[in-house]
Amino acid sequence: MRTLGWITPTDWREVRYGTPRTGAVDVPMFTTSSVAAVGAVHPEVDWEQLCNLGKGRRFPLTALVKALQADTGQLTG
């Protein structure tokens, strides 16, 4: 959803993981209200399907991201 420009992080946090050699990653942080509001703004998406996506299953919005990349050549995020 961030890649599609539907939501923007309010903050970024560095999260360390693994051994000291593994390093850290920057993780975007979102408010609960901004995440909850996405469903009202994009009713065309089957949010129940997304919420019940099984482990290891491909995220359905991936196809939308690829389509936007093909149309515009760029995305936000």
C-alpha atoms as a PDB file:
ATOM      1  CA  MET A   1       0.000   0.000   0.000  1.00  0.00           C
ATOM      2  CA  ARG A   2       2.954   2.295   0.646  1.00  0.00           C
ATOM      3  CA  THR A   3       4.371   1.532  -2.796  1.00  0.00           C
ATOM      4  CA  LEU A   4       1.017   2.395  -4.357  1.00  0.00           C
ATOM      5  CA  GLY A   5       1.038   5.753  -2.557  1.00  0.00           C
ATOM      6  CA  TRP A   6      -2.097   4.902  -0.590  1.00  0.00           C
ATOM      7  CA  ILE A   7      -0.417   5.415   2.781  1.00  0.00           C
ATOM      8  CA  THR A   8       2.691   7.196   4.019  1.00  0.00           C
ATOM      9  CA  PRO A   9       4.779   6.448   7.088  1.00  0.00           C
ATOM     10  CA  THR A  10       4.647   8.828  10.023  1.00  0.00           C
ATOM     11  CA  ASP A  11       8.086   7.742  11.199  1.00  0.00           C
ATOM     12  CA  TRP A  12      10.940   5.339  10.456  1.00  0.00           C
ATOM     13  CA  ARG A  13      12.639   3.128  13.059  1.00  0.00           C
ATOM     14  CA  GLU A  14      15.890   1.255  12.814  1.00  0.00           C
ATOM     15  CA  VAL A  15      15.415  -2.377  13.782  1.00  0.00           C
ATOM     16  CA  ARG A  16      18.435  -4.545  14.507  1.00  0.00           C
ATOM     17  CA  TYR A  17      18.179  -8.266  13.978  1.00  0.00           C
ATOM     18  CA  GLY A  18      20.326 -11.376  14.100  1.00  0.00           C
ATOM     19  CA  THR A  19      24.010 -11.183  14.909  1.00  0.00           C
ATOM     20  CA  PRO A  20      26.009  -7.942  14.964  1.00  0.00           C
ATOM     21  CA  ARG A  21      27.256  -8.756  11.456  1.00  0.00           C
ATOM     22  CA  THR A  22      23.715  -9.054  10.109  1.00  0.00           C
ATOM     23  CA  GLY A  23      22.920  -5.391  10.622  1.00  0.00           C
ATOM     24  CA  ALA A  24      19.731  -3.405  10.790  1.00  0.00           C
ATOM     25  CA  VAL A  25      16.893  -2.247   8.570  1.00  0.00           C
ATOM     26  CA  ASP A  26      14.748   0.887   8.570  1.00  0.00           C
ATOM     27  CA  VAL A  27      11.097   0.008   9.138  1.00  0.00           C
ATOM     28  CA  PRO A  28       8.251   2.406   8.238  1.00  0.00           C
ATOM     29  CA  MET A  29       5.799   3.161  11.048  1.00  0.00           C
ATOM     30  CA  PHE A  30       2.127   3.963  10.401  1.00  0.00           C
ATOM     31  CA  THR A  31      -0.698   5.182  12.609  1.00  0.00           C
ATOM     32  CA  THR A  32      -3.565   2.778  13.227  1.00  0.00           C
ATOM     33  CA  SER A  33      -6.073   5.332  11.963  1.00  0.00           C
ATOM     34  CA  SER A  34      -4.243   5.836   8.658  1.00  0.00           C
ATOM     35  CA  VAL A  35      -4.120   2.078   8.047  1.00  0.00           C
ATOM     36  CA  ALA A  36      -7.812   1.717   8.937  1.00  0.00           C
ATOM     37  CA  ALA A  37      -8.779   4.567   6.598  1.00  0.00           C
ATOM     38  CA  VAL A  38      -7.306   2.873   3.517  1.00  0.00           C
ATOM     39  CA  GLY A  39     -10.290   0.508   3.277  1.00  0.00           C
ATOM     40  CA  ALA A  40     -12.776   3.367   3.027  1.00  0.00           C
ATOM     41  CA  VAL A  41     -10.719   5.135   0.380  1.00  0.00           C
ATOM     42  CA  HIS A  42     -10.228   2.011  -1.771  1.00  0.00           C
ATOM     43  CA  PRO A  43     -13.456  -0.040  -1.649  1.00  0.00           C
ATOM     44  CA  GLU A  44     -12.472  -1.777  -4.899  1.00  0.00           C
ATOM     45  CA  VAL A  45     -10.035  -3.969  -2.951  1.00  0.00           C
ATOM     46  CA  ASP A  46     -11.280  -7.124  -1.221  1.00  0.00           C
ATOM     47  CA  TRP A  47      -9.846  -6.269   2.214  1.00  0.00           C
ATOM     48  CA  GLU A  48     -11.242  -9.407   3.841  1.00  0.00           C
ATOM     49  CA  GLN A  49      -9.269 -11.499   1.352  1.00  0.00           C
ATOM     50  CA  LEU A  50      -6.101  -9.543   2.155  1.00  0.00           C
ATOM     51  CA  CYS A  51      -6.610  -9.905   5.905  1.00  0.00           C
ATOM     52  CA  ASN A  52      -7.092 -13.671   5.575  1.00  0.00           C
ATOM     53  CA  LEU A  53      -4.153 -14.266   3.250  1.00  0.00           C
ATOM     54  CA  GLY A  54      -2.451 -17.526   4.163  1.00  0.00           C
ATOM     55  CA  LYS A  55       1.204 -17.896   5.031  1.00  0.00           C
ATOM     56  CA  GLY A  56       3.401 -18.038   1.942  1.00  0.00           C
ATOM     57  CA  ARG A  57       0.656 -16.757  -0.377  1.00  0.00           C
ATOM     58  CA  ARG A  58       1.407 -13.961  -2.844  1.00  0.00           C
ATOM     59  CA  PHE A  59      -0.050 -10.579  -1.854  1.00  0.00           C
ATOM     60  CA  PRO A  60      -2.850  -9.740  -4.365  1.00  0.00           C
ATOM     61  CA  LEU A  61      -1.871  -6.059  -4.591  1.00  0.00           C
ATOM     62  CA  THR A  62       1.409  -7.121  -6.224  1.00  0.00           C
ATOM     63  CA  ALA A  63      -0.381  -7.369  -9.570  1.00  0.00           C
ATOM     64  CA  LEU A  64      -1.653  -3.808  -9.146  1.00  0.00           C
ATOM     65  CA  VAL A  65       1.847  -2.544  -8.377  1.00  0.00           C
ATOM     66  CA  LYS A  66       3.209  -4.232 -11.512  1.00  0.00           C
ATOM     67  CA  ALA A  67       0.392  -2.761 -13.619  1.00  0.00           C
ATOM     68  CA  LEU A  68       1.124   0.745 -12.320  1.00  0.00           C
ATOM     69  CA  GLN A  69       4.824   0.290 -13.012  1.00  0.00           C
ATOM     70  CA  ALA A  70       4.011  -0.648 -16.595  1.00  0.00           C
ATOM     71  CA  ASP A  71       1.647   2.335 -17.024  1.00  0.00           C
ATOM     72  CA  THR A  72       3.690   5.049 -15.344  1.00  0.00           C
ATOM     73  CA  GLY A  73       7.202   3.702 -15.151  1.00  0.00           C
ATOM     74  CA  GLN A  74       7.459   4.848 -11.536  1.00  0.00           C
ATOM     75  CA  LEU A  75       5.849   4.543  -8.132  1.00  0.00           C
ATOM     76  CA  THR A  76       6.007   6.383  -4.828  1.00  0.00           C
ATOM     77  CA  GLY A  77       7.743   4.894  -1.799  1.00  0.00           C
END
